C-alpha atoms as a PDB file:
ATOM      1  CA  UNK A   1     -23.198 -92.576  -2.920  1.00  0.00           C
ATOM      2  CA  UNK A   2     -22.651 -90.930  -6.582  1.00  0.00           C
ATOM      3  CA  UNK A   3     -22.923 -91.531 -10.369  1.00  0.00           C
ATOM      4  CA  UNK A   4     -20.263 -94.086  -9.620  1.00  0.00           C
ATOM      5  CA  UNK A   5     -21.515 -95.240  -6.637  1.00  0.00           C
ATOM      6  CA  UNK A   6     -19.067 -93.746  -4.139  1.00  0.00           C
ATOM      7  CA  UNK A   7     -20.060 -92.460  -1.013  1.00  0.00           C
ATOM      8  CA  UNK A   8     -18.766 -88.484  -0.957  1.00  0.00           C
ATOM      9  CA  UNK A   9     -18.168 -86.040   2.379  1.00  0.00           C
ATOM     10  CA  UNK A  10     -18.253 -81.866   1.395  1.00  0.00           C
ATOM     11  CA  UNK A  11     -15.987 -80.459   3.651  1.00  0.00           C
ATOM     12  CA  UNK A  12     -17.104 -76.097   4.010  1.00  0.00           C
ATOM     13  CA  UNK A  13     -15.489 -73.227   6.529  1.00  0.00           C
ATOM     14  CA  UNK A  14     -19.326 -72.373   6.180  1.00  0.00           C
ATOM     15  CA  UNK A  15     -21.083 -73.796   9.177  1.00  0.00           C
ATOM     16  CA  UNK A  16     -24.372 -72.730   7.192  1.00  0.00           C
ATOM     17  CA  UNK A  17     -23.847 -73.625   3.512  1.00  0.00           C
ATOM     18  CA  UNK A  18     -23.389 -76.985   5.121  1.00  0.00           C
ATOM     19  CA  UNK A  19     -26.369 -76.338   7.024  1.00  0.00           C
ATOM     20  CA  UNK A  20     -28.227 -75.498   3.546  1.00  0.00           C
ATOM     21  CA  UNK A  21     -26.661 -78.365   1.713  1.00  0.00           C
ATOM     22  CA  UNK A  22     -27.541 -80.883   4.135  1.00  0.00           C
ATOM     23  CA  UNK A  23     -31.147 -79.824   4.863  1.00  0.00           C
ATOM     24  CA  UNK A  24     -31.827 -78.221   0.897  1.00  0.00           C
ATOM     25  CA  UNK A  25     -29.411 -80.254  -0.734  1.00  0.00           C
ATOM     26  CA  UNK A  26     -29.329 -76.978  -2.519  1.00  0.00           C
ATOM     27  CA  UNK A  27     -25.927 -74.362  -2.593  1.00  0.00           C
ATOM     28  CA  UNK A  28     -28.126 -71.532  -3.676  1.00  0.00           C
ATOM     29  CA  UNK A  29     -25.191 -68.965  -3.835  1.00  0.00           C
ATOM     30  CA  UNK A  30     -22.498 -70.673  -5.962  1.00  0.00           C
ATOM     31  CA  UNK A  31     -24.993 -72.480  -8.348  1.00  0.00           C
ATOM     32  CA  UNK A  32     -28.959 -71.575  -8.162  1.00  0.00           C
ATOM     33  CA  UNK A  33     -31.758 -73.534  -9.657  1.00  0.00           C
ATOM     34  CA  UNK A  34     -29.388 -76.880  -8.660  1.00  0.00           C
ATOM     35  CA  UNK A  35     -30.571 -79.510  -6.401  1.00  0.00           C
ATOM     36  CA  UNK A  36     -27.227 -81.849  -4.874  1.00  0.00           C
ATOM     37  CA  UNK A  37     -28.462 -85.767  -3.946  1.00  0.00           C
ATOM     38  CA  UNK A  38     -29.883 -85.973  -0.804  1.00  0.00           C
ATOM     39  CA  UNK A  39     -26.471 -88.627  -0.380  1.00  0.00           C
ATOM     40  CA  UNK A  40     -23.661 -86.477  -0.420  1.00  0.00           C
ATOM     41  CA  UNK A  41     -23.651 -85.565   3.351  1.00  0.00           C
ATOM     42  CA  UNK A  42     -22.079 -81.672   4.055  1.00  0.00           C
ATOM     43  CA  UNK A  43     -19.360 -81.375   7.305  1.00  0.00           C
ATOM     44  CA  UNK A  44     -18.467 -78.134   8.881  1.00  0.00           C
ATOM     45  CA  UNK A  45     -15.744 -80.769  11.128  1.00  0.00           C
ATOM     46  CA  UNK A  46     -12.200 -81.545   8.472  1.00  0.00           C
ATOM     47  CA  UNK A  47     -11.298 -84.232  10.908  1.00  0.00           C
ATOM     48  CA  UNK A  48     -14.773 -86.003  10.585  1.00  0.00           C
ATOM     49  CA  UNK A  49     -15.053 -85.731   6.539  1.00  0.00           C
ATOM     50  CA  UNK A  50     -11.819 -86.883   5.644  1.00  0.00           C
ATOM     51  CA  UNK A  51     -11.773 -90.033   8.488  1.00  0.00           C
ATOM     52  CA  UNK A  52     -11.308 -93.120   6.855  1.00  0.00           C
ATOM     53  CA  UNK A  53     -11.800 -92.315   2.791  1.00  0.00           C
ATOM     54  CA  UNK A  54      -9.985 -93.427  -0.012  1.00  0.00           C
ATOM     55  CA  UNK A  55      -9.114 -89.949  -1.582  1.00  0.00           C
ATOM     56  CA  UNK A  56      -9.023 -86.264  -0.607  1.00  0.00           C
ATOM     57  CA  UNK A  57     -10.385 -83.704  -3.633  1.00  0.00           C
ATOM     58  CA  UNK A  58      -8.646 -80.056  -2.838  1.00  0.00           C
ATOM     59  CA  UNK A  59     -10.824 -77.140  -4.750  1.00  0.00           C
ATOM     60  CA  UNK A  60     -10.815 -73.983  -2.175  1.00  0.00           C
ATOM     61  CA  UNK A  61      -8.779 -70.761  -3.605  1.00  0.00           C
ATOM     62  CA  UNK A  62      -4.978 -70.648  -4.336  1.00  0.00           C
ATOM     63  CA  UNK A  63      -4.916 -68.519  -1.455  1.00  0.00           C
ATOM     64  CA  UNK A  64      -6.529 -70.817   0.702  1.00  0.00           C
ATOM     65  CA  UNK A  65      -4.807 -74.005  -0.644  1.00  0.00           C
ATOM     66  CA  UNK A  66      -1.448 -74.142   1.971  1.00  0.00           C
ATOM     67  CA  UNK A  67      -3.251 -73.161   5.585  1.00  0.00           C
ATOM     68  CA  UNK A  68      -6.110 -76.003   4.463  1.00  0.00           C
ATOM     69  CA  UNK A  69      -3.356 -78.935   3.501  1.00  0.00           C
ATOM     70  CA  UNK A  70      -1.575 -78.019   6.585  1.00  0.00           C
ATOM     71  CA  UNK A  71      -4.378 -78.984   8.861  1.00  0.00           C
ATOM     72  CA  UNK A  72      -5.254 -81.616   6.237  1.00  0.00           C
ATOM     73  CA  UNK A  73      -1.636 -83.204   6.850  1.00  0.00           C
ATOM     74  CA  UNK A  74      -1.463 -82.827  10.270  1.00  0.00           C
ATOM     75  CA  UNK A  75      -4.701 -85.570  10.231  1.00  0.00           C
ATOM     76  CA  UNK A  76      -3.830 -87.407   8.147  1.00  0.00           C
ATOM     77  CA  UNK A  77      -0.517 -87.933  10.205  1.00  0.00           C
ATOM     78  CA  UNK A  78      -2.663 -87.959  13.497  1.00  0.00           C
ATOM     79  CA  UNK A  79      -5.202 -90.649  12.297  1.00  0.00           C
ATOM     80  CA  UNK A  80      -2.282 -92.641  10.006  1.00  0.00           C
ATOM     81  CA  UNK A  81      -4.275 -92.505   6.660  1.00  0.00           C
ATOM     82  CA  UNK A  82      -2.616 -92.369   4.086  1.00  0.00           C
ATOM     83  CA  UNK A  83      -5.109 -91.699   1.161  1.00  0.00           C
ATOM     84  CA  UNK A  84      -5.061 -90.049  -2.674  1.00  0.00           C
ATOM     85  CA  UNK A  85      -4.431 -86.381  -3.019  1.00  0.00           C
ATOM     86  CA  UNK A  86      -6.416 -85.227  -6.284  1.00  0.00           C
ATOM     87  CA  UNK A  87      -6.892 -81.120  -7.095  1.00  0.00           C
ATOM     88  CA  UNK A  88      -9.312 -79.136  -9.123  1.00  0.00           C
ATOM     89  CA  UNK A  89      -7.495 -75.655  -7.766  1.00  0.00           C
ATOM     90  CA  UNK A  90      -6.308 -72.867 -10.928  1.00  0.00           C
ATOM     91  CA  UNK A  91      -3.588 -70.828  -9.403  1.00  0.00           C
ATOM     92  CA  UNK A  92       0.110 -69.639  -8.811  1.00  0.00           C
ATOM     93  CA  UNK A  93       0.925 -69.611  -4.962  1.00  0.00           C
ATOM     94  CA  UNK A  94       1.951 -65.422  -4.535  1.00  0.00           C
ATOM     95  CA  UNK A  95       5.294 -64.675  -3.602  1.00  0.00           C
ATOM     96  CA  UNK A  96       6.520 -68.044  -3.890  1.00  0.00           C
ATOM     97  CA  UNK A  97       5.029 -68.580  -7.270  1.00  0.00           C
ATOM     98  CA  UNK A  98       4.522 -72.415  -5.784  1.00  0.00           C
ATOM     99  CA  UNK A  99       2.138 -74.946  -8.151  1.00  0.00           C
ATOM    100  CA  UNK A 100      -1.087 -75.914  -6.335  1.00  0.00           C
ATOM    101  CA  UNK A 101       0.330 -79.941  -6.891  1.00  0.00           C
ATOM    102  CA  UNK A 102       4.042 -78.555  -4.898  1.00  0.00           C
ATOM    103  CA  UNK A 103       2.513 -77.082  -1.481  1.00  0.00           C
ATOM    104  CA  UNK A 104       0.524 -79.807  -1.203  1.00  0.00           C
ATOM    105  CA  UNK A 105       3.249 -81.905  -1.600  1.00  0.00           C
ATOM    106  CA  UNK A 106       4.923 -79.969   0.950  1.00  0.00           C
ATOM    107  CA  UNK A 107       1.868 -79.446   3.635  1.00  0.00           C
ATOM    108  CA  UNK A 108       0.759 -82.698   3.565  1.00  0.00           C
ATOM    109  CA  UNK A 109       4.100 -85.486   4.262  1.00  0.00           C
ATOM    110  CA  UNK A 110       4.949 -88.325   2.061  1.00  0.00           C
ATOM    111  CA  UNK A 111       3.795 -90.356   4.760  1.00  0.00           C
ATOM    112  CA  UNK A 112       0.528 -89.275   5.412  1.00  0.00           C
ATOM    113  CA  UNK A 113      -0.930 -89.790   1.496  1.00  0.00           C
ATOM    114  CA  UNK A 114      -0.729 -91.676  -2.228  1.00  0.00           C
ATOM    115  CA  UNK A 115       0.665 -89.010  -5.214  1.00  0.00           C
ATOM    116  CA  UNK A 116      -1.100 -85.787  -6.100  1.00  0.00           C
ATOM    117  CA  UNK A 117      -2.820 -85.788  -8.924  1.00  0.00           C
ATOM    118  CA  UNK A 118      -4.377 -82.739 -11.030  1.00  0.00           C
ATOM    119  CA  UNK A 119      -7.455 -82.371 -12.284  1.00  0.00           C
ATOM    120  CA  UNK A 120      -7.902 -79.482 -15.008  1.00  0.00           C
ATOM    121  CA  UNK A 121      -9.052 -78.878 -18.108  1.00  0.00           C
ATOM    122  CA  UNK A 122     -12.174 -76.964 -19.834  1.00  0.00           C
ATOM    123  CA  UNK A 123     -14.842 -77.548 -17.545  1.00  0.00           C
ATOM    124  CA  UNK A 124     -17.526 -74.895 -15.561  1.00  0.00           C
ATOM    125  CA  UNK A 125     -19.372 -76.333 -12.725  1.00  0.00           C
ATOM    126  CA  UNK A 126     -22.714 -74.869 -13.672  1.00  0.00           C
ATOM    127  CA  UNK A 127     -22.131 -77.320 -16.766  1.00  0.00           C
ATOM    128  CA  UNK A 128     -21.216 -80.309 -14.933  1.00  0.00           C
ATOM    129  CA  UNK A 129     -24.029 -80.134 -13.223  1.00  0.00           C
ATOM    130  CA  UNK A 130     -26.265 -80.583 -15.020  1.00  0.00           C
ATOM    131  CA  UNK A 131     -24.440 -84.086 -17.277  1.00  0.00           C
ATOM    132  CA  UNK A 132     -23.320 -81.398 -20.111  1.00  0.00           C
ATOM    133  CA  UNK A 133     -20.425 -83.182 -22.037  1.00  0.00           C
ATOM    134  CA  UNK A 134     -17.195 -82.407 -20.607  1.00  0.00           C
ATOM    135  CA  UNK A 135     -13.817 -83.719 -20.809  1.00  0.00           C
ATOM    136  CA  UNK A 136     -10.736 -82.853 -19.105  1.00  0.00           C
ATOM    137  CA  UNK A 137      -7.101 -84.373 -18.092  1.00  0.00           C
ATOM    138  CA  UNK A 138      -6.090 -86.522 -14.824  1.00  0.00           C
ATOM    139  CA  UNK A 139      -1.867 -85.644 -15.057  1.00  0.00           C
ATOM    140  CA  UNK A 140       0.439 -87.248 -12.333  1.00  0.00           C
ATOM    141  CA  UNK A 141       3.806 -88.361 -11.902  1.00  0.00           C
ATOM    142  CA  UNK A 142       2.632 -91.644 -10.902  1.00  0.00           C
ATOM    143  CA  UNK A 143       0.591 -93.276 -13.733  1.00  0.00           C
ATOM    144  CA  UNK A 144      -1.581 -95.246 -11.217  1.00  0.00           C
ATOM    145  CA  UNK A 145      -2.120 -91.965  -9.813  1.00  0.00           C
ATOM    146  CA  UNK A 146      -3.683 -90.272 -12.495  1.00  0.00           C
ATOM    147  CA  UNK A 147      -5.280 -93.830 -13.889  1.00  0.00           C
ATOM    148  CA  UNK A 148      -7.186 -94.347 -10.841  1.00  0.00           C
ATOM    149  CA  UNK A 149      -8.152 -90.371 -10.826  1.00  0.00           C
ATOM    150  CA  UNK A 150      -9.092 -91.832 -14.144  1.00  0.00           C
ATOM    151  CA  UNK A 151     -11.841 -94.276 -13.052  1.00  0.00           C
ATOM    152  CA  UNK A 152     -12.799 -92.286 -10.459  1.00  0.00           C
ATOM    153  CA  UNK A 153     -14.415 -89.203 -11.954  1.00  0.00           C
ATOM    154  CA  UNK A 154     -15.391 -90.874 -15.758  1.00  0.00           C
ATOM    155  CA  UNK A 155     -19.326 -91.220 -16.311  1.00  0.00           C
ATOM    156  CA  UNK A 156     -21.129 -90.900 -19.491  1.00  0.00           C
ATOM    157  CA  UNK A 157     -20.576 -87.309 -19.939  1.00  0.00           C
ATOM    158  CA  UNK A 158     -17.474 -86.850 -18.173  1.00  0.00           C
ATOM    159  CA  UNK A 159     -14.784 -87.586 -19.364  1.00  0.00           C
ATOM    160  CA  UNK A 160     -10.766 -88.089 -18.415  1.00  0.00           C
ATOM    161  CA  UNK A 161      -8.114 -88.787 -20.092  1.00  0.00           C
ATOM    162  CA  UNK A 162      -4.602 -89.264 -17.603  1.00  0.00           C
ATOM    163  CA  UNK A 163      -0.976 -86.882 -18.912  1.00  0.00           C
ATOM    164  CA  UNK A 164       2.006 -87.023 -16.910  1.00  0.00           C
ATOM    165  CA  UNK A 165       3.044 -83.534 -17.357  1.00  0.00           C
ATOM    166  CA  UNK A 166       2.336 -82.066 -14.311  1.00  0.00           C
ATOM    167  CA  UNK A 167       3.781 -78.687 -14.895  1.00  0.00           C
ATOM    168  CA  UNK A 168       1.868 -77.538 -18.257  1.00  0.00           C
ATOM    169  CA  UNK A 169      -1.131 -78.493 -16.516  1.00  0.00           C
ATOM    170  CA  UNK A 170      -1.420 -76.640 -13.550  1.00  0.00           C
ATOM    171  CA  UNK A 171      -0.019 -73.645 -15.574  1.00  0.00           C
ATOM    172  CA  UNK A 172      -2.118 -73.996 -18.160  1.00  0.00           C
ATOM    173  CA  UNK A 173      -4.989 -74.299 -15.140  1.00  0.00           C
ATOM    174  CA  UNK A 174      -3.875 -71.217 -14.363  1.00  0.00           C
ATOM    175  CA  UNK A 175      -2.507 -69.019 -16.768  1.00  0.00           C
ATOM    176  CA  UNK A 176      -5.637 -69.468 -18.975  1.00  0.00           C
ATOM    177  CA  UNK A 177      -7.944 -67.512 -16.323  1.00  0.00           C
ATOM    178  CA  UNK A 178      -5.690 -63.817 -17.587  1.00  0.00           C
ATOM    179  CA  UNK A 179      -6.620 -64.356 -20.511  1.00  0.00           C
ATOM    180  CA  UNK A 180      -9.574 -65.252 -19.591  1.00  0.00           C
ATOM    181  CA  UNK A 181     -10.043 -61.475 -17.956  1.00  0.00           C
ATOM    182  CA  UNK A 182      -8.504 -59.763 -21.343  1.00  0.00           C
ATOM    183  CA  UNK A 183     -11.425 -61.533 -22.839  1.00  0.00           C
ATOM    184  CA  UNK A 184     -14.066 -60.219 -20.534  1.00  0.00           C
ATOM    185  CA  UNK A 185     -12.936 -56.825 -20.444  1.00  0.00           C
ATOM    186  CA  UNK A 186     -12.689 -56.670 -25.196  1.00  0.00           C
ATOM    187  CA  UNK A 187     -16.358 -57.552 -24.494  1.00  0.00           C
ATOM    188  CA  UNK A 188     -16.897 -55.139 -22.001  1.00  0.00           C
ATOM    189  CA  UNK A 189     -15.267 -52.466 -24.793  1.00  0.00           C
ATOM    190  CA  UNK A 190     -17.118 -53.510 -27.324  1.00  0.00           C
ATOM    191  CA  UNK A 191     -14.796 -55.555 -29.623  1.00  0.00           C
ATOM    192  CA  UNK A 192     -15.931 -58.763 -31.664  1.00  0.00           C
ATOM    193  CA  UNK A 193     -14.733 -62.312 -32.321  1.00  0.00           C
ATOM    194  CA  UNK A 194     -11.336 -60.795 -34.430  1.00  0.00           C
ATOM    195  CA  UNK A 195      -9.898 -59.041 -31.197  1.00  0.00           C
ATOM    196  CA  UNK A 196     -10.843 -61.854 -28.639  1.00  0.00           C
ATOM    197  CA  UNK A 197      -9.647 -64.969 -31.299  1.00  0.00           C
ATOM    198  CA  UNK A 198      -6.332 -62.822 -31.157  1.00  0.00           C
ATOM    199  CA  UNK A 199      -6.107 -62.088 -27.460  1.00  0.00           C
ATOM    200  CA  UNK A 200      -6.686 -66.519 -26.649  1.00  0.00           C
ATOM    201  CA  UNK A 201      -4.065 -67.110 -29.309  1.00  0.00           C
ATOM    202  CA  UNK A 202      -1.309 -65.011 -28.462  1.00  0.00           C
ATOM    203  CA  UNK A 203      -2.723 -65.628 -24.749  1.00  0.00           C
ATOM    204  CA  UNK A 204      -1.702 -69.295 -25.468  1.00  0.00           C
ATOM    205  CA  UNK A 205       1.334 -68.826 -27.176  1.00  0.00           C
ATOM    206  CA  UNK A 206       2.509 -66.816 -23.388  1.00  0.00           C
ATOM    207  CA  UNK A 207       1.631 -69.479 -21.694  1.00  0.00           C
ATOM    208  CA  UNK A 208       3.343 -72.098 -23.488  1.00  0.00           C
ATOM    209  CA  UNK A 209       6.120 -69.978 -23.291  1.00  0.00           C
ATOM    210  CA  UNK A 210       6.474 -69.598 -19.807  1.00  0.00           C
ATOM    211  CA  UNK A 211       5.587 -73.606 -19.210  1.00  0.00           C
ATOM    212  CA  UNK A 212       8.224 -74.741 -21.794  1.00  0.00           C
ATOM    213  CA  UNK A 213      10.795 -72.980 -19.744  1.00  0.00           C
ATOM    214  CA  UNK A 214       9.757 -74.850 -16.659  1.00  0.00           C
ATOM    215  CA  UNK A 215       9.886 -77.751 -18.470  1.00  0.00           C
ATOM    216  CA  UNK A 216       6.694 -78.241 -19.427  1.00  0.00           C
ATOM    217  CA  UNK A 217       5.607 -80.574 -22.950  1.00  0.00           C
ATOM    218  CA  UNK A 218       4.503 -78.089 -25.339  1.00  0.00           C
ATOM    219  CA  UNK A 219       2.389 -79.883 -26.529  1.00  0.00           C
ATOM    220  CA  UNK A 220       0.262 -79.706 -23.015  1.00  0.00           C
ATOM    221  CA  UNK A 221      -0.619 -76.539 -24.162  1.00  0.00           C
ATOM    222  CA  UNK A 222      -2.570 -77.483 -27.205  1.00  0.00           C
ATOM    223  CA  UNK A 223      -4.663 -80.394 -25.733  1.00  0.00           C
ATOM    224  CA  UNK A 224      -7.823 -79.519 -22.711  1.00  0.00           C
ATOM    225  CA  UNK A 225      -5.497 -78.155 -19.765  1.00  0.00           C
ATOM    226  CA  UNK A 226      -3.877 -75.732 -22.715  1.00  0.00           C
ATOM    227  CA  UNK A 227      -6.385 -74.715 -25.663  1.00  0.00           C
ATOM    228  CA  UNK A 228      -9.566 -76.183 -24.161  1.00  0.00           C
ATOM    229  CA  UNK A 229      -9.421 -74.429 -21.097  1.00  0.00           C
ATOM    230  CA  UNK A 230      -8.837 -71.264 -22.391  1.00  0.00           C
ATOM    231  CA  UNK A 231     -11.662 -71.571 -24.720  1.00  0.00           C
ATOM    232  CA  UNK A 232     -13.884 -72.056 -22.040  1.00  0.00           C
ATOM    233  CA  UNK A 233     -12.799 -69.211 -19.621  1.00  0.00           C
ATOM    234  CA  UNK A 234     -12.478 -66.749 -22.590  1.00  0.00           C
ATOM    235  CA  UNK A 235     -15.990 -66.707 -24.034  1.00  0.00           C
ATOM    236  CA  UNK A 236     -18.277 -67.884 -21.053  1.00  0.00           C
ATOM    237  CA  UNK A 237     -20.328 -65.434 -19.061  1.00  0.00           C
ATOM    238  CA  UNK A 238     -19.773 -68.597 -16.309  1.00  0.00           C
ATOM    239  CA  UNK A 239     -16.756 -68.024 -15.853  1.00  0.00           C
ATOM    240  CA  UNK A 240     -16.220 -64.852 -13.013  1.00  0.00           C
ATOM    241  CA  UNK A 241     -12.719 -64.412 -14.410  1.00  0.00           C
ATOM    242  CA  UNK A 242     -14.873 -63.420 -17.783  1.00  0.00           C
ATOM    243  CA  UNK A 243     -17.185 -61.052 -15.878  1.00  0.00           C
ATOM    244  CA  UNK A 244     -14.889 -59.086 -14.150  1.00  0.00           C
ATOM    245  CA  UNK A 245     -12.811 -58.458 -16.993  1.00  0.00           C
ATOM    246  CA  UNK A 246     -16.032 -57.037 -18.763  1.00  0.00           C
ATOM    247  CA  UNK A 247     -16.901 -54.902 -15.419  1.00  0.00           C
ATOM    248  CA  UNK A 248     -13.319 -53.384 -16.200  1.00  0.00           C
ATOM    249  CA  UNK A 249     -14.070 -53.035 -19.398  1.00  0.00           C
ATOM    250  CA  UNK A 250     -17.084 -51.812 -18.869  1.00  0.00           C
ATOM    251  CA  UNK A 251     -15.399 -48.840 -16.890  1.00  0.00           C
ATOM    252  CA  UNK A 252     -15.746 -50.251 -13.719  1.00  0.00           C
ATOM    253  CA  UNK A 253     -12.743 -50.482 -10.942  1.00  0.00           C
ATOM    254  CA  UNK A 254     -11.009 -53.785  -9.780  1.00  0.00           C
ATOM    255  CA  UNK A 255     -12.038 -53.170  -5.591  1.00  0.00           C
ATOM    256  CA  UNK A 256     -16.220 -52.700  -6.852  1.00  0.00           C
ATOM    257  CA  UNK A 257     -16.096 -55.912  -9.421  1.00  0.00           C
ATOM    258  CA  UNK A 258     -13.452 -58.336  -7.099  1.00  0.00           C
ATOM    259  CA  UNK A 259     -16.081 -56.979  -3.799  1.00  0.00           C
ATOM    260  CA  UNK A 260     -19.627 -57.957  -5.439  1.00  0.00           C
ATOM    261  CA  UNK A 261     -18.116 -60.881  -7.348  1.00  0.00           C
ATOM    262  CA  UNK A 262     -19.207 -62.859  -4.182  1.00  0.00           C
ATOM    263  CA  UNK A 263     -16.453 -65.168  -5.618  1.00  0.00           C
ATOM    264  CA  UNK A 264     -12.903 -65.341  -5.652  1.00  0.00           C
ATOM    265  CA  UNK A 265     -11.766 -63.635  -9.108  1.00  0.00           C
ATOM    266  CA  UNK A 266      -8.046 -66.477  -9.559  1.00  0.00           C
ATOM    267  CA  UNK A 267      -6.622 -64.878 -12.447  1.00  0.00           C
ATOM    268  CA  UNK A 268      -6.432 -61.156 -10.779  1.00  0.00           C
ATOM    269  CA  UNK A 269      -4.082 -62.932  -8.676  1.00  0.00           C
ATOM    270  CA  UNK A 270      -1.819 -64.835 -11.112  1.00  0.00           C
ATOM    271  CA  UNK A 271      -1.993 -61.889 -13.593  1.00  0.00           C
ATOM    272  CA  UNK A 272       0.765 -60.491 -10.483  1.00  0.00           C
ATOM    273  CA  UNK A 273       2.882 -63.545 -10.254  1.00  0.00           C
ATOM    274  CA  UNK A 274       2.994 -64.407 -14.136  1.00  0.00           C
ATOM    275  CA  UNK A 275       4.016 -61.372 -14.920  1.00  0.00           C
ATOM    276  CA  UNK A 276       6.885 -61.699 -11.999  1.00  0.00           C
ATOM    277  CA  UNK A 277       7.793 -64.674 -13.336  1.00  0.00           C
ATOM    278  CA  UNK A 278       8.051 -63.736 -17.179  1.00  0.00           C
ATOM    279  CA  UNK A 279      10.254 -60.857 -15.685  1.00  0.00           C
ATOM    280  CA  UNK A 280      11.952 -62.974 -13.485  1.00  0.00           C
ATOM    281  CA  UNK A 281      13.252 -65.933 -16.354  1.00  0.00           C
ATOM    282  CA  UNK A 282      13.727 -63.916 -19.369  1.00  0.00           C
ATOM    283  CA  UNK A 283      10.006 -65.105 -20.800  1.00  0.00           C
ATOM    284  CA  UNK A 284       8.129 -62.244 -23.394  1.00  0.00           C
ATOM    285  CA  UNK A 285       4.242 -62.020 -22.438  1.00  0.00           C
ATOM    286  CA  UNK A 286       3.340 -58.357 -23.478  1.00  0.00           C
ATOM    287  CA  UNK A 287      -0.194 -59.979 -22.812  1.00  0.00           C
ATOM    288  CA  UNK A 288       0.011 -60.170 -19.731  1.00  0.00           C
ATOM    289  CA  UNK A 289       2.163 -57.479 -18.678  1.00  0.00           C
ATOM    290  CA  UNK A 290      -0.593 -55.392 -20.846  1.00  0.00           C
ATOM    291  CA  UNK A 291      -2.674 -57.050 -18.586  1.00  0.00           C
ATOM    292  CA  UNK A 292      -0.820 -56.400 -14.805  1.00  0.00           C
ATOM    293  CA  UNK A 293      -0.511 -52.875 -15.956  1.00  0.00           C
ATOM    294  CA  UNK A 294      -4.160 -52.585 -15.978  1.00  0.00           C
ATOM    295  CA  UNK A 295      -5.479 -54.259 -12.492  1.00  0.00           C
ATOM    296  CA  UNK A 296      -1.983 -52.465 -10.232  1.00  0.00           C
ATOM    297  CA  UNK A 297      -1.160 -49.971 -12.449  1.00  0.00           C
ATOM    298  CA  UNK A 298      -4.160 -48.419 -13.142  1.00  0.00           C
ATOM    299  CA  UNK A 299      -2.824 -47.629 -17.020  1.00  0.00           C
ATOM    300  CA  UNK A 300      -6.244 -47.656 -19.419  1.00  0.00           C
ATOM    301  CA  UNK A 301      -7.711 -50.466 -20.621  1.00  0.00           C
ATOM    302  CA  UNK A 302      -7.438 -48.810 -24.569  1.00  0.00           C
ATOM    303  CA  UNK A 303      -4.395 -47.002 -23.519  1.00  0.00           C
ATOM    304  CA  UNK A 304      -3.123 -50.554 -22.595  1.00  0.00           C
ATOM    305  CA  UNK A 305      -3.971 -52.565 -25.463  1.00  0.00           C
ATOM    306  CA  UNK A 306      -3.023 -49.438 -28.246  1.00  0.00           C
ATOM    307  CA  UNK A 307       0.697 -49.626 -27.283  1.00  0.00           C
ATOM    308  CA  UNK A 308       0.215 -54.252 -27.646  1.00  0.00           C
ATOM    309  CA  UNK A 309      -1.228 -53.378 -31.151  1.00  0.00           C
ATOM    310  CA  UNK A 310       1.732 -50.991 -32.393  1.00  0.00           C
ATOM    311  CA  UNK A 311       4.480 -52.769 -30.701  1.00  0.00           C
ATOM    312  CA  UNK A 312       7.115 -53.717 -33.676  1.00  0.00           C
ATOM    313  CA  UNK A 313       6.280 -56.620 -36.293  1.00  0.00           C
ATOM    314  CA  UNK A 314       7.739 -60.023 -35.911  1.00  0.00           C
ATOM    315  CA  UNK A 315       7.353 -62.594 -36.886  1.00  0.00           C
ATOM    316  CA  UNK A 316       4.377 -66.072 -35.453  1.00  0.00           C
ATOM    317  CA  UNK A 317       6.897 -68.352 -34.641  1.00  0.00           C
END
């Protein structure tokens, strides 16, 4: 049982992780010094994990969403189940530029799922685990699905708001990782609060420009999944994207940072997708372009910053 009285199952592709969760009730690789409820049961077999469930929450790296969703879709069709589908993954698929909800809708037959809801906002897993006060958003095209998700997760320390702007929430969730990389790099280079505030503010403007080009509500980007998510991800060492940027700013090579991080750095792949999308759609994203040049073209970080600062003057809005 979780704190709201729900039976919770966890699936992992890693048998060793499953064994640790079931025997020691810990997940030492990802959240150190934390003990999970003994009622949480982990499974290595996906079919057993989803059998008879009311809702499935996807929290897997973006590059794995399609393959896992395809497996889930096939199993749901075989078992003739129709659960709520919720996701908390944050990224954009490479090459297709699809958002996570679009991938889930493609891979899980409509007959075997209810609406897709995205659960997103400023929330480090480590802080949620220790009951830090957390506010996030449940966004869905279906008001009923958003309210279902809200009720499912609300506690006295975890507050959920509903939203109908799936596009804005997913784009904000994905692209804030780019800004976190940049903020970490500024820290690693020794820049102060002025620089970080400038990066976050102008980075959010870029996110908003790209999002609204897809029809997102601009108000979403001053909400929890916009400015809220940018603040928490771009200011904290709990963010793997911030840590990766910090190491890049200190002179580490990207391949070395990726190899020893131990977790997926979503911002690296998202930078490429966002840069390509900005060119495709004619949206000005100079910060994203600068970070892309550093990550993928080997441009010196200090040169990239200098070039950004010396761009021609313009109006803020």
